PDB file of N, CA and C in Angstrom:
ATOM      1  N   UNK A   1      91.711  93.600 134.382  1.00  0.00           N
ATOM      2  CA  UNK A   1      92.462  94.810 134.517  1.00  0.00           C
ATOM      3  C   UNK A   1      92.705  95.027 135.969  1.00  0.00           C
ATOM      4  N   UNK A   2      94.103  95.347 136.560  1.00  0.00           N
ATOM      5  CA  UNK A   2      94.122  95.470 137.847  1.00  0.00           C
ATOM      6  C   UNK A   2      93.504  96.908 138.404  1.00  0.00           C
ATOM      7  N   UNK A   3      93.257  97.016 139.528  1.00  0.00           N
ATOM      8  CA  UNK A   3      92.725  98.085 140.156  1.00  0.00           C
ATOM      9  C   UNK A   3      93.416  99.415 139.933  1.00  0.00           C
ATOM     10  N   UNK A   4      94.709  99.269 139.978  1.00  0.00           N
ATOM     11  CA  UNK A   4      95.602 100.463 139.948  1.00  0.00           C
ATOM     12  C   UNK A   4      95.602 100.893 138.489  1.00  0.00           C
ATOM     13  N   UNK A   5      95.583 100.410 137.519  1.00  0.00           N
ATOM     14  CA  UNK A   5      95.345 100.751 136.105  1.00  0.00           C
ATOM     15  C   UNK A   5      94.041 101.300 135.960  1.00  0.00           C
ATOM     16  N   UNK A   6      92.974 100.711 136.347  1.00  0.00           N
ATOM     17  CA  UNK A   6      91.748 101.219 136.109  1.00  0.00           C
ATOM     18  C   UNK A   6      91.591 102.656 136.851  1.00  0.00           C
ATOM     19  N   UNK A   7      92.136 102.766 138.133  1.00  0.00           N
ATOM     20  CA  UNK A   7      92.060 103.850 138.656  1.00  0.00           C
ATOM     21  C   UNK A   7      92.874 105.097 137.749  1.00  0.00           C
ATOM     22  N   UNK A   8      94.092 104.658 137.438  1.00  0.00           N
ATOM     23  CA  UNK A   8      94.880 105.662 136.634  1.00  0.00           C
ATOM     24  C   UNK A   8      94.052 106.131 135.346  1.00  0.00           C
ATOM     25  N   UNK A   9      93.468 105.110 134.649  1.00  0.00           N
ATOM     26  CA  UNK A   9      92.723 105.448 133.440  1.00  0.00           C
ATOM     27  C   UNK A   9      91.558 106.316 133.860  1.00  0.00           C
ATOM     28  N   UNK A  10      90.864 106.114 134.961  1.00  0.00           N
ATOM     29  CA  UNK A  10      89.692 106.774 135.253  1.00  0.00           C
ATOM     30  C   UNK A  10      89.997 108.250 135.537  1.00  0.00           C
ATOM     31  N   UNK A  11      91.312 108.655 135.823  1.00  0.00           N
ATOM     32  CA  UNK A  11      91.624 109.964 136.232  1.00  0.00           C
ATOM     33  C   UNK A  11      91.978 110.795 135.099  1.00  0.00           C
ATOM     34  N   UNK A  12      92.064 110.261 133.942  1.00  0.00           N
ATOM     35  CA  UNK A  12      92.548 110.814 132.639  1.00  0.00           C
ATOM     36  C   UNK A  12      91.266 111.643 131.920  1.00  0.00           C
ATOM     37  N   UNK A  13      91.759 112.745 131.147  1.00  0.00           N
ATOM     38  CA  UNK A  13      90.727 113.416 130.636  1.00  0.00           C
ATOM     39  C   UNK A  13      90.155 112.543 129.473  1.00  0.00           C
ATOM     40  N   UNK A  14      88.945 112.890 128.926  1.00  0.00           N
ATOM     41  CA  UNK A  14      88.378 112.135 127.735  1.00  0.00           C
ATOM     42  C   UNK A  14      89.296 112.258 126.692  1.00  0.00           C
ATOM     43  N   UNK A  15      90.019 113.352 126.498  1.00  0.00           N
ATOM     44  CA  UNK A  15      91.058 113.391 125.255  1.00  0.00           C
ATOM     45  C   UNK A  15      92.055 112.406 125.502  1.00  0.00           C
ATOM     46  N   UNK A  16      92.636 112.250 126.712  1.00  0.00           N
ATOM     47  CA  UNK A  16      93.750 111.391 126.899  1.00  0.00           C
ATOM     48  C   UNK A  16      93.193 109.866 126.939  1.00  0.00           C
ATOM     49  N   UNK A  17      91.989 109.642 127.374  1.00  0.00           N
ATOM     50  CA  UNK A  17      91.386 108.474 127.090  1.00  0.00           C
ATOM     51  C   UNK A  17      91.366 107.966 125.602  1.00  0.00           C
ATOM     52  N   UNK A  18      90.978 108.850 124.814  1.00  0.00           N
ATOM     53  CA  UNK A  18      90.867 108.651 123.234  1.00  0.00           C
ATOM     54  C   UNK A  18      92.265 108.244 122.640  1.00  0.00           C
ATOM     55  N   UNK A  19      93.265 109.057 123.218  1.00  0.00           N
ATOM     56  CA  UNK A  19      94.501 108.768 122.764  1.00  0.00           C
ATOM     57  C   UNK A  19      95.010 107.231 123.213  1.00  0.00           C
ATOM     58  N   UNK A  20      94.609 106.975 124.432  1.00  0.00           N
ATOM     59  CA  UNK A  20      95.106 105.737 124.850  1.00  0.00           C
ATOM     60  C   UNK A  20      94.350 104.522 124.125  1.00  0.00           C
ATOM     61  N   UNK A  21      93.124 104.856 123.720  1.00  0.00           N
ATOM     62  CA  UNK A  21      92.410 103.831 122.955  1.00  0.00           C
ATOM     63  C   UNK A  21      92.830 103.673 121.486  1.00  0.00           C
ATOM     64  N   UNK A  22      93.554 104.757 120.939  1.00  0.00           N
ATOM     65  CA  UNK A  22      94.093 104.722 119.598  1.00  0.00           C
ATOM     66  C   UNK A  22      95.527 104.023 119.717  1.00  0.00           C
ATOM     67  N   UNK A  23      96.163 104.310 120.864  1.00  0.00           N
ATOM     68  CA  UNK A  23      97.416 103.533 121.047  1.00  0.00           C
ATOM     69  C   UNK A  23      97.047 102.118 121.139  1.00  0.00           C
ATOM     70  N   UNK A  24      96.038 101.651 121.977  1.00  0.00           N
ATOM     71  CA  UNK A  24      95.743 100.269 122.246  1.00  0.00           C
ATOM     72  C   UNK A  24      95.273  99.547 120.804  1.00  0.00           C
ATOM     73  N   UNK A  25      94.524 100.192 120.089  1.00  0.00           N
ATOM     74  CA  UNK A  25      94.116  99.600 118.864  1.00  0.00           C
ATOM     75  C   UNK A  25      95.063  99.427 117.869  1.00  0.00           C
ATOM     76  N   UNK A  26      96.029 100.364 117.794  1.00  0.00           N
ATOM     77  CA  UNK A  26      97.022 100.369 116.987  1.00  0.00           C
ATOM     78  C   UNK A  26      98.038  99.191 117.361  1.00  0.00           C
ATOM     79  N   UNK A  27      98.338  98.961 118.676  1.00  0.00           N
ATOM     80  CA  UNK A  27      99.151  97.852 119.164  1.00  0.00           C
ATOM     81  C   UNK A  27      98.520  96.516 118.765  1.00  0.00           C
ATOM     82  N   UNK A  28      96.975  96.567 118.860  1.00  0.00           N
ATOM     83  CA  UNK A  28      96.255  95.259 118.449  1.00  0.00           C
ATOM     84  C   UNK A  28      96.502  95.057 117.203  1.00  0.00           C
ATOM     85  N   UNK A  29      96.420  95.968 116.329  1.00  0.00           N
ATOM     86  CA  UNK A  29      96.276  95.906 114.850  1.00  0.00           C
ATOM     87  C   UNK A  29      97.604  95.356 114.308  1.00  0.00           C
ATOM     88  N   UNK A  30      98.861  95.479 115.001  1.00  0.00           N
ATOM     89  CA  UNK A  30     100.150  94.859 114.717  1.00  0.00           C
ATOM     90  C   UNK A  30      99.899  93.403 114.794  1.00  0.00           C
ATOM     91  N   UNK A  31      99.066  92.992 115.718  1.00  0.00           N
ATOM     92  CA  UNK A  31      99.023  91.593 115.881  1.00  0.00           C
ATOM     93  C   UNK A  31      97.629  91.025 115.481  1.00  0.00           C
ATOM     94  N   UNK A  32      97.029  91.555 114.604  1.00  0.00           N
ATOM     95  CA  UNK A  32      95.813  91.190 114.064  1.00  0.00           C
ATOM     96  C   UNK A  32      95.572  89.607 113.812  1.00  0.00           C
ATOM     97  N   UNK A  33      96.749  88.899 113.227  1.00  0.00           N
ATOM     98  CA  UNK A  33      96.636  87.563 112.981  1.00  0.00           C
ATOM     99  C   UNK A  33      96.328  86.803 114.193  1.00  0.00           C
ATOM    100  N   UNK A  34      96.730  87.281 115.335  1.00  0.00           N
ATOM    101  CA  UNK A  34      96.543  86.620 116.736  1.00  0.00           C
ATOM    102  C   UNK A  34      95.044  86.506 117.059  1.00  0.00           C
ATOM    103  N   UNK A  35      94.226  87.269 116.498  1.00  0.00           N
ATOM    104  CA  UNK A  35      92.781  87.524 116.822  1.00  0.00           C
ATOM    105  C   UNK A  35      92.038  86.747 115.633  1.00  0.00           C
ATOM    106  N   UNK A  36      91.310  85.673 116.152  1.00  0.00           N
ATOM    107  CA  UNK A  36      90.525  85.077 115.109  1.00  0.00           C
ATOM    108  C   UNK A  36      89.068  85.748 114.860  1.00  0.00           C
ATOM    109  N   UNK A  37      88.792  85.906 113.719  1.00  0.00           N
ATOM    110  CA  UNK A  37      87.473  86.585 113.237  1.00  0.00           C
ATOM    111  C   UNK A  37      86.259  85.574 113.764  1.00  0.00           C
ATOM    112  N   UNK A  38      85.354  86.131 114.367  1.00  0.00           N
ATOM    113  CA  UNK A  38      84.161  85.221 114.642  1.00  0.00           C
ATOM    114  C   UNK A  38      83.597  84.845 113.407  1.00  0.00           C
ATOM    115  N   UNK A  39      83.138  83.514 113.329  1.00  0.00           N
ATOM    116  CA  UNK A  39      82.183  83.182 112.161  1.00  0.00           C
ATOM    117  C   UNK A  39      81.068  84.033 112.011  1.00  0.00           C
ATOM    118  N   UNK A  40      80.478  84.701 112.733  1.00  0.00           N
ATOM    119  CA  UNK A  40      79.283  85.566 112.572  1.00  0.00           C
ATOM    120  C   UNK A  40      79.633  86.735 111.629  1.00  0.00           C
ATOM    121  N   UNK A  41      80.891  86.971 111.683  1.00  0.00           N
ATOM    122  CA  UNK A  41      81.042  88.252 110.844  1.00  0.00           C
ATOM    123  C   UNK A  41      81.126  87.995 109.575  1.00  0.00           C
ATOM    124  N   UNK A  42      81.700  86.848 108.991  1.00  0.00           N
ATOM    125  CA  UNK A  42      81.531  86.225 107.780  1.00  0.00           C
ATOM    126  C   UNK A  42      80.091  86.285 107.232  1.00  0.00           C
ATOM    127  N   UNK A  43      79.364  85.675 108.118  1.00  0.00           N
ATOM    128  CA  UNK A  43      77.869  85.517 107.797  1.00  0.00           C
ATOM    129  C   UNK A  43      77.176  86.777 107.706  1.00  0.00           C
ATOM    130  N   UNK A  44      77.376  87.810 108.583  1.00  0.00           N
ATOM    131  CA  UNK A  44      76.869  89.085 108.324  1.00  0.00           C
ATOM    132  C   UNK A  44      77.288  89.785 107.221  1.00  0.00           C
ATOM    133  N   UNK A  45      78.512  89.766 106.715  1.00  0.00           N
ATOM    134  CA  UNK A  45      78.934  90.086 105.480  1.00  0.00           C
ATOM    135  C   UNK A  45      78.414  89.714 104.302  1.00  0.00           C
ATOM    136  N   UNK A  46      78.092  88.182 104.395  1.00  0.00           N
ATOM    137  CA  UNK A  46      77.586  87.610 103.361  1.00  0.00           C
ATOM    138  C   UNK A  46      75.945  87.943 103.051  1.00  0.00           C
ATOM    139  N   UNK A  47      75.397  88.048 104.303  1.00  0.00           N
ATOM    140  CA  UNK A  47      74.105  88.454 104.229  1.00  0.00           C
ATOM    141  C   UNK A  47      73.930  89.930 103.672  1.00  0.00           C
ATOM    142  N   UNK A  48      74.770  90.654 103.966  1.00  0.00           N
ATOM    143  CA  UNK A  48      74.642  92.181 103.677  1.00  0.00           C
ATOM    144  C   UNK A  48      74.978  92.074 102.100  1.00  0.00           C
ATOM    145  N   UNK A  49      76.010  91.400 101.620  1.00  0.00           N
ATOM    146  CA  UNK A  49      76.271  91.383 100.065  1.00  0.00           C
ATOM    147  C   UNK A  49      74.973  90.853  99.415  1.00  0.00           C
ATOM    148  N   UNK A  50      74.368  89.944  99.816  1.00  0.00           N
ATOM    149  CA  UNK A  50      73.270  89.031  99.129  1.00  0.00           C
ATOM    150  C   UNK A  50      72.080  90.216  99.203  1.00  0.00           C
ATOM    151  N   UNK A  51      71.948  90.916 100.199  1.00  0.00           N
ATOM    152  CA  UNK A  51      70.722  91.903 100.145  1.00  0.00           C
ATOM    153  C   UNK A  51      71.014  93.040  99.012  1.00  0.00           C
ATOM    154  N   UNK A  52      72.488  93.393  98.933  1.00  0.00           N
ATOM    155  CA  UNK A  52      72.741  94.348  98.057  1.00  0.00           C
ATOM    156  C   UNK A  52      72.499  93.871  96.562  1.00  0.00           C
ATOM    157  N   UNK A  53      72.932  92.632  96.422  1.00  0.00           N
ATOM    158  CA  UNK A  53      72.805  92.061  94.948  1.00  0.00           C
ATOM    159  C   UNK A  53      71.369  91.991  94.714  1.00  0.00           C
ATOM    160  N   UNK A  54      70.585  91.720  95.597  1.00  0.00           N
ATOM    161  CA  UNK A  54      69.194  91.490  95.442  1.00  0.00           C
ATOM    162  C   UNK A  54      68.662  92.882  95.055  1.00  0.00           C
ATOM    163  N   UNK A  55      69.001  94.069  95.654  1.00  0.00           N
ATOM    164  CA  UNK A  55      68.492  95.277  95.513  1.00  0.00           C
ATOM    165  C   UNK A  55      69.341  96.245  95.684  1.00  0.00           C
ATOM    166  N   UNK A  56      70.212  96.485  94.757  1.00  0.00           N
ATOM    167  CA  UNK A  56      71.374  97.425  94.848  1.00  0.00           C
ATOM    168  C   UNK A  56      70.834  98.977  94.823  1.00  0.00           C
ATOM    169  N   UNK A  57      69.564  99.284  94.574  1.00  0.00           N
ATOM    170  CA  UNK A  57      69.119 100.528  94.783  1.00  0.00           C
ATOM    171  C   UNK A  57      69.294 101.085  96.011  1.00  0.00           C
ATOM    172  N   UNK A  58      68.969 100.168  97.020  1.00  0.00           N
ATOM    173  CA  UNK A  58      68.959 100.596  98.486  1.00  0.00           C
ATOM    174  C   UNK A  58      70.385 100.695  99.102  1.00  0.00           C
ATOM    175  N   UNK A  59      71.263 100.444  98.449  1.00  0.00           N
ATOM    176  CA  UNK A  59      72.699 100.465  99.051  1.00  0.00           C
ATOM    177  C   UNK A  59      73.281 101.792  98.962  1.00  0.00           C
ATOM    178  N   UNK A  60      74.254 102.016  99.751  1.00  0.00           N
ATOM    179  CA  UNK A  60      74.927 103.352  99.782  1.00  0.00           C
ATOM    180  C   UNK A  60      76.565 103.045  99.544  1.00  0.00           C
ATOM    181  N   UNK A  61      77.108 104.073  98.955  1.00  0.00           N
ATOM    182  CA  UNK A  61      78.543 104.008  98.729  1.00  0.00           C
ATOM    183  C   UNK A  61      79.177 104.348  99.941  1.00  0.00           C
ATOM    184  N   UNK A  62      80.287 103.849 100.158  1.00  0.00           N
ATOM    185  CA  UNK A  62      81.130 104.381 101.387  1.00  0.00           C
ATOM    186  C   UNK A  62      81.381 105.958 101.432  1.00  0.00           C
ATOM    187  N   UNK A  63      81.373 106.416 100.340  1.00  0.00           N
ATOM    188  CA  UNK A  63      81.500 108.004 100.214  1.00  0.00           C
ATOM    189  C   UNK A  63      80.194 108.613 100.979  1.00  0.00           C
ATOM    190  N   UNK A  64      79.089 108.085 100.516  1.00  0.00           N
ATOM    191  CA  UNK A  64      77.814 108.607 100.943  1.00  0.00           C
ATOM    192  C   UNK A  64      77.570 108.307 102.549  1.00  0.00           C
ATOM    193  N   UNK A  65      78.005 107.184 102.974  1.00  0.00           N
ATOM    194  CA  UNK A  65      77.872 106.720 104.401  1.00  0.00           C
ATOM    195  C   UNK A  65      78.720 107.587 105.003  1.00  0.00           C
ATOM    196  N   UNK A  66      80.032 107.965 104.699  1.00  0.00           N
ATOM    197  CA  UNK A  66      80.911 108.650 105.557  1.00  0.00           C
ATOM    198  C   UNK A  66      80.623 110.117 105.665  1.00  0.00           C
ATOM    199  N   UNK A  67      80.007 110.657 104.423  1.00  0.00           N
ATOM    200  CA  UNK A  67      79.236 112.085 104.818  1.00  0.00           C
ATOM    201  C   UNK A  67      78.201 112.191 105.688  1.00  0.00           C
ATOM    202  N   UNK A  68      77.381 111.009 105.639  1.00  0.00           N
ATOM    203  CA  UNK A  68      76.211 111.190 106.593  1.00  0.00           C
ATOM    204  C   UNK A  68      76.720 110.898 107.909  1.00  0.00           C
ATOM    205  N   UNK A  69      77.735 110.150 108.175  1.00  0.00           N
ATOM    206  CA  UNK A  69      78.414 109.964 109.591  1.00  0.00           C
ATOM    207  C   UNK A  69      79.046 111.168 110.051  1.00  0.00           C
ATOM    208  N   UNK A  70      79.809 111.887 109.163  1.00  0.00           N
ATOM    209  CA  UNK A  70      80.714 113.070 109.588  1.00  0.00           C
ATOM    210  C   UNK A  70      80.137 114.305 109.474  1.00  0.00           C
ATOM    211  N   UNK A  71      78.866 114.200 108.713  1.00  0.00           N
ATOM    212  CA  UNK A  71      78.161 115.482 108.604  1.00  0.00           C
ATOM    213  C   UNK A  71      78.785 116.463 107.507  1.00  0.00           C
ATOM    214  N   UNK A  72      79.799 115.904 106.679  1.00  0.00           N
ATOM    215  CA  UNK A  72      80.248 116.689 105.690  1.00  0.00           C
ATOM    216  C   UNK A  72      79.400 116.746 104.512  1.00  0.00           C
ATOM    217  N   UNK A  73      79.433 117.634 103.658  1.00  0.00           N
ATOM    218  CA  UNK A  73      78.658 117.770 102.383  1.00  0.00           C
ATOM    219  C   UNK A  73      79.713 117.502 101.231  1.00  0.00           C
TER     220      UNK A  73
END
């Protein structure tokens, strides 16, 4: 990143920086095929799935995880 761009970003408010991040992620998502998923992602997902299959009682649904993260009831 060039110094001028970094300086411009550093002068922005936290809210403006978050909007910039959202824009950047949206732009990257449009070209998601251009980014190769690291092999360790597949390995981590397989390990998590195997742990859940071996002991599903200790798993959590997305709804429960989301409630815990967001603090919603």
